[in-house]
Amino acid sequence: MVIKQNTFLLHVALSFINAYALSGSFFLNRIWVKYVEINLL
C-alpha cells in the first residue's frame, strides 16, 4: 500500500534527520518534527 511505502520513506528520512540533529542542528530537527506533525495529523 502507498501508506506503507510513505511510512518507510518517513523512517528513512527521520533517521537522516536524527543523525543530523545529533551533530548539533537541534533547531532544524524541531522544524522537521513540526512539519511531520502537521502533515500526519
PDB file of N, CA and C in Angstrom:
ATOM      1  N   MET A   1       0.830  -1.207   0.000  1.00  0.00           N
ATOM      2  CA  MET A   1       0.000   0.000   0.000  1.00  0.00           C
ATOM      3  C   MET A   1       0.862   1.253   0.000  1.00  0.00           C
ATOM      4  N   VAL A   2       0.271   2.348  -0.430  1.00  0.00           N
ATOM      5  CA  VAL A   2       1.010   3.608  -0.502  1.00  0.00           C
ATOM      6  C   VAL A   2       1.418   4.070   0.888  1.00  0.00           C
ATOM      7  N   ILE A   3       0.535   3.850   1.856  1.00  0.00           N
ATOM      8  CA  ILE A   3       0.815   4.303   3.222  1.00  0.00           C
ATOM      9  C   ILE A   3       2.070   3.619   3.756  1.00  0.00           C
ATOM     10  N   LYS A   4       2.199   2.327   3.482  1.00  0.00           N
ATOM     11  CA  LYS A   4       3.368   1.610   3.992  1.00  0.00           C
ATOM     12  C   LYS A   4       4.645   2.152   3.358  1.00  0.00           C
ATOM     13  N   GLN A   5       4.580   2.458   2.066  1.00  0.00           N
ATOM     14  CA  GLN A   5       5.753   2.999   1.392  1.00  0.00           C
ATOM     15  C   GLN A   5       6.114   4.361   1.991  1.00  0.00           C
ATOM     16  N   ASN A   6       5.097   5.201   2.204  1.00  0.00           N
ATOM     17  CA  ASN A   6       5.343   6.514   2.777  1.00  0.00           C
ATOM     18  C   ASN A   6       5.911   6.399   4.184  1.00  0.00           C
ATOM     19  N   THR A   7       5.420   5.425   4.948  1.00  0.00           N
ATOM     20  CA  THR A   7       5.922   5.216   6.304  1.00  0.00           C
ATOM     21  C   THR A   7       7.391   4.816   6.265  1.00  0.00           C
ATOM     22  N   PHE A   8       7.748   3.941   5.332  1.00  0.00           N
ATOM     23  CA  PHE A   8       9.130   3.518   5.187  1.00  0.00           C
ATOM     24  C   PHE A   8      10.013   4.707   4.840  1.00  0.00           C
ATOM     25  N   LEU A   9       9.576   5.523   3.879  1.00  0.00           N
ATOM     26  CA  LEU A   9      10.349   6.695   3.479  1.00  0.00           C
ATOM     27  C   LEU A   9      10.472   7.670   4.642  1.00  0.00           C
ATOM     28  N   LEU A  10       9.397   7.784   5.425  1.00  0.00           N
ATOM     29  CA  LEU A  10       9.422   8.678   6.581  1.00  0.00           C
ATOM     30  C   LEU A  10      10.457   8.206   7.596  1.00  0.00           C
ATOM     31  N   HIS A  11      10.515   6.902   7.838  1.00  0.00           N
ATOM     32  CA  HIS A  11      11.501   6.362   8.776  1.00  0.00           C
ATOM     33  C   HIS A  11      12.921   6.619   8.286  1.00  0.00           C
ATOM     34  N   VAL A  12      13.130   6.448   6.976  1.00  0.00           N
ATOM     35  CA  VAL A  12      14.456   6.713   6.404  1.00  0.00           C
ATOM     36  C   VAL A  12      14.822   8.180   6.584  1.00  0.00           C
ATOM     37  N   ALA A  13      13.863   9.053   6.268  1.00  0.00           N
ATOM     38  CA  ALA A  13      14.108  10.487   6.401  1.00  0.00           C
ATOM     39  C   ALA A  13      14.374  10.851   7.857  1.00  0.00           C
ATOM     40  N   LEU A  14      13.598  10.295   8.769  1.00  0.00           N
ATOM     41  CA  LEU A  14      13.785  10.586  10.190  1.00  0.00           C
ATOM     42  C   LEU A  14      15.150  10.112  10.677  1.00  0.00           C
ATOM     43  N   SER A  15      15.620   8.995  10.135  1.00  0.00           N
ATOM     44  CA  SER A  15      16.936   8.503  10.524  1.00  0.00           C
ATOM     45  C   SER A  15      18.017   9.505  10.143  1.00  0.00           C
ATOM     46  N   PHE A  16      17.915  10.057   8.922  1.00  0.00           N
ATOM     47  CA  PHE A  16      18.880  11.062   8.490  1.00  0.00           C
ATOM     48  C   PHE A  16      18.755  12.326   9.331  1.00  0.00           C
ATOM     49  N   ILE A  17      17.521  12.767   9.573  1.00  0.00           N
ATOM     50  CA  ILE A  17      17.292  13.989  10.350  1.00  0.00           C
ATOM     51  C   ILE A  17      17.812  13.823  11.776  1.00  0.00           C
ATOM     52  N   ASN A  18      17.561  12.659  12.366  1.00  0.00           N
ATOM     53  CA  ASN A  18      18.022  12.435  13.738  1.00  0.00           C
ATOM     54  C   ASN A  18      19.537  12.431  13.810  1.00  0.00           C
ATOM     55  N   ALA A  19      20.196  11.820  12.833  1.00  0.00           N
ATOM     56  CA  ALA A  19      21.654  11.820  12.796  1.00  0.00           C
ATOM     57  C   ALA A  19      22.173  13.248  12.640  1.00  0.00           C
ATOM     58  N   TYR A  20      21.479  14.023  11.796  1.00  0.00           N
ATOM     59  CA  TYR A  20      21.855  15.417  11.568  1.00  0.00           C
ATOM     60  C   TYR A  20      21.663  16.232  12.838  1.00  0.00           C
ATOM     61  N   ALA A  21      20.560  15.955  13.549  1.00  0.00           N
ATOM     62  CA  ALA A  21      20.265  16.681  14.785  1.00  0.00           C
ATOM     63  C   ALA A  21      21.331  16.383  15.841  1.00  0.00           C
ATOM     64  N   LEU A  22      21.809  15.151  15.867  1.00  0.00           N
ATOM     65  CA  LEU A  22      22.839  14.784  16.842  1.00  0.00           C
ATOM     66  C   LEU A  22      24.147  15.524  16.559  1.00  0.00           C
ATOM     67  N   SER A  23      24.313  15.998  15.311  1.00  0.00           N
ATOM     68  CA  SER A  23      25.514  16.766  15.006  1.00  0.00           C
ATOM     69  C   SER A  23      25.382  18.215  15.465  1.00  0.00           C
ATOM     70  N   GLY A  24      24.218  18.577  15.969  1.00  0.00           N
ATOM     71  CA  GLY A  24      24.084  19.911  16.529  1.00  0.00           C
ATOM     72  C   GLY A  24      22.966  20.759  15.955  1.00  0.00           C
ATOM     73  N   SER A  25      22.202  20.225  14.989  1.00  0.00           N
ATOM     74  CA  SER A  25      21.151  21.037  14.380  1.00  0.00           C
ATOM     75  C   SER A  25      19.809  20.756  15.054  1.00  0.00           C
ATOM     76  N   PHE A  26      19.740  21.068  16.332  1.00  0.00           N
ATOM     77  CA  PHE A  26      18.521  20.809  17.085  1.00  0.00           C
ATOM     78  C   PHE A  26      17.368  21.646  16.550  1.00  0.00           C
ATOM     79  N   PHE A  27      17.662  22.882  16.158  1.00  0.00           N
ATOM     80  CA  PHE A  27      16.624  23.777  15.667  1.00  0.00           C
ATOM     81  C   PHE A  27      15.991  23.221  14.396  1.00  0.00           C
ATOM     82  N   LEU A  28      16.810  22.736  13.475  1.00  0.00           N
ATOM     83  CA  LEU A  28      16.283  22.141  12.249  1.00  0.00           C
ATOM     84  C   LEU A  28      15.447  20.908  12.567  1.00  0.00           C
ATOM     85  N   ASN A  29      15.864  20.152  13.571  1.00  0.00           N
ATOM     86  CA  ASN A  29      15.111  18.966  13.948  1.00  0.00           C
ATOM     87  C   ASN A  29      13.723  19.355  14.445  1.00  0.00           C
ATOM     88  N   ARG A  30      13.647  20.437  15.213  1.00  0.00           N
ATOM     89  CA  ARG A  30      12.351  20.892  15.718  1.00  0.00           C
ATOM     90  C   ARG A  30      11.435  21.297  14.564  1.00  0.00           C
ATOM     91  N   ILE A  31      11.991  21.970  13.573  1.00  0.00           N
ATOM     92  CA  ILE A  31      11.203  22.363  12.397  1.00  0.00           C
ATOM     93  C   ILE A  31      10.680  21.116  11.696  1.00  0.00           C
ATOM     94  N   TRP A  32      11.543  20.121  11.551  1.00  0.00           N
ATOM     95  CA  TRP A  32      11.151  18.880  10.885  1.00  0.00           C
ATOM     96  C   TRP A  32      10.030  18.184  11.643  1.00  0.00           C
ATOM     97  N   VAL A  33      10.136  18.145  12.979  1.00  0.00           N
ATOM     98  CA  VAL A  33       9.107  17.498  13.791  1.00  0.00           C
ATOM     99  C   VAL A  33       7.767  18.194  13.598  1.00  0.00           C
ATOM    100  N   LYS A  34       7.772  19.534  13.586  1.00  0.00           N
ATOM    101  CA  LYS A  34       6.533  20.272  13.373  1.00  0.00           C
ATOM    102  C   LYS A  34       5.967  19.987  11.983  1.00  0.00           C
ATOM    103  N   TYR A  35       6.843  19.915  10.995  1.00  0.00           N
ATOM    104  CA  TYR A  35       6.418  19.630   9.625  1.00  0.00           C
ATOM    105  C   TYR A  35       5.745  18.259   9.555  1.00  0.00           C
ATOM    106  N   VAL A  36       6.349  17.279  10.192  1.00  0.00           N
ATOM    107  CA  VAL A  36       5.794  15.926  10.189  1.00  0.00           C
ATOM    108  C   VAL A  36       4.444  15.906  10.903  1.00  0.00           C
ATOM    109  N   GLU A  37       4.369  16.583  12.062  1.00  0.00           N
ATOM    110  CA  GLU A  37       3.119  16.593  12.813  1.00  0.00           C
ATOM    111  C   GLU A  37       1.995  17.205  11.989  1.00  0.00           C
ATOM    112  N   ILE A  38       2.282  18.314  11.309  1.00  0.00           N
ATOM    113  CA  ILE A  38       1.267  18.993  10.508  1.00  0.00           C
ATOM    114  C   ILE A  38       0.772  18.089   9.377  1.00  0.00           C
ATOM    115  N   ASN A  39       1.683  17.333   8.768  1.00  0.00           N
ATOM    116  CA  ASN A  39       1.305  16.521   7.615  1.00  0.00           C
ATOM    117  C   ASN A  39       0.691  15.170   8.000  1.00  0.00           C
ATOM    118  N   LEU A  40       0.958  14.703   9.205  1.00  0.00           N
ATOM    119  CA  LEU A  40       0.428  13.401   9.597  1.00  0.00           C
ATOM    120  C   LEU A  40      -0.840  13.517  10.415  1.00  0.00           C
ATOM    121  N   LEU A  41      -1.079  14.657  11.064  1.00  0.00           N
ATOM    122  CA  LEU A  41      -2.246  14.797  11.935  1.00  0.00           C
ATOM    123  C   LEU A  41      -3.375  15.540  11.245  1.00  0.00           C
TER     124      LEU A  41
END
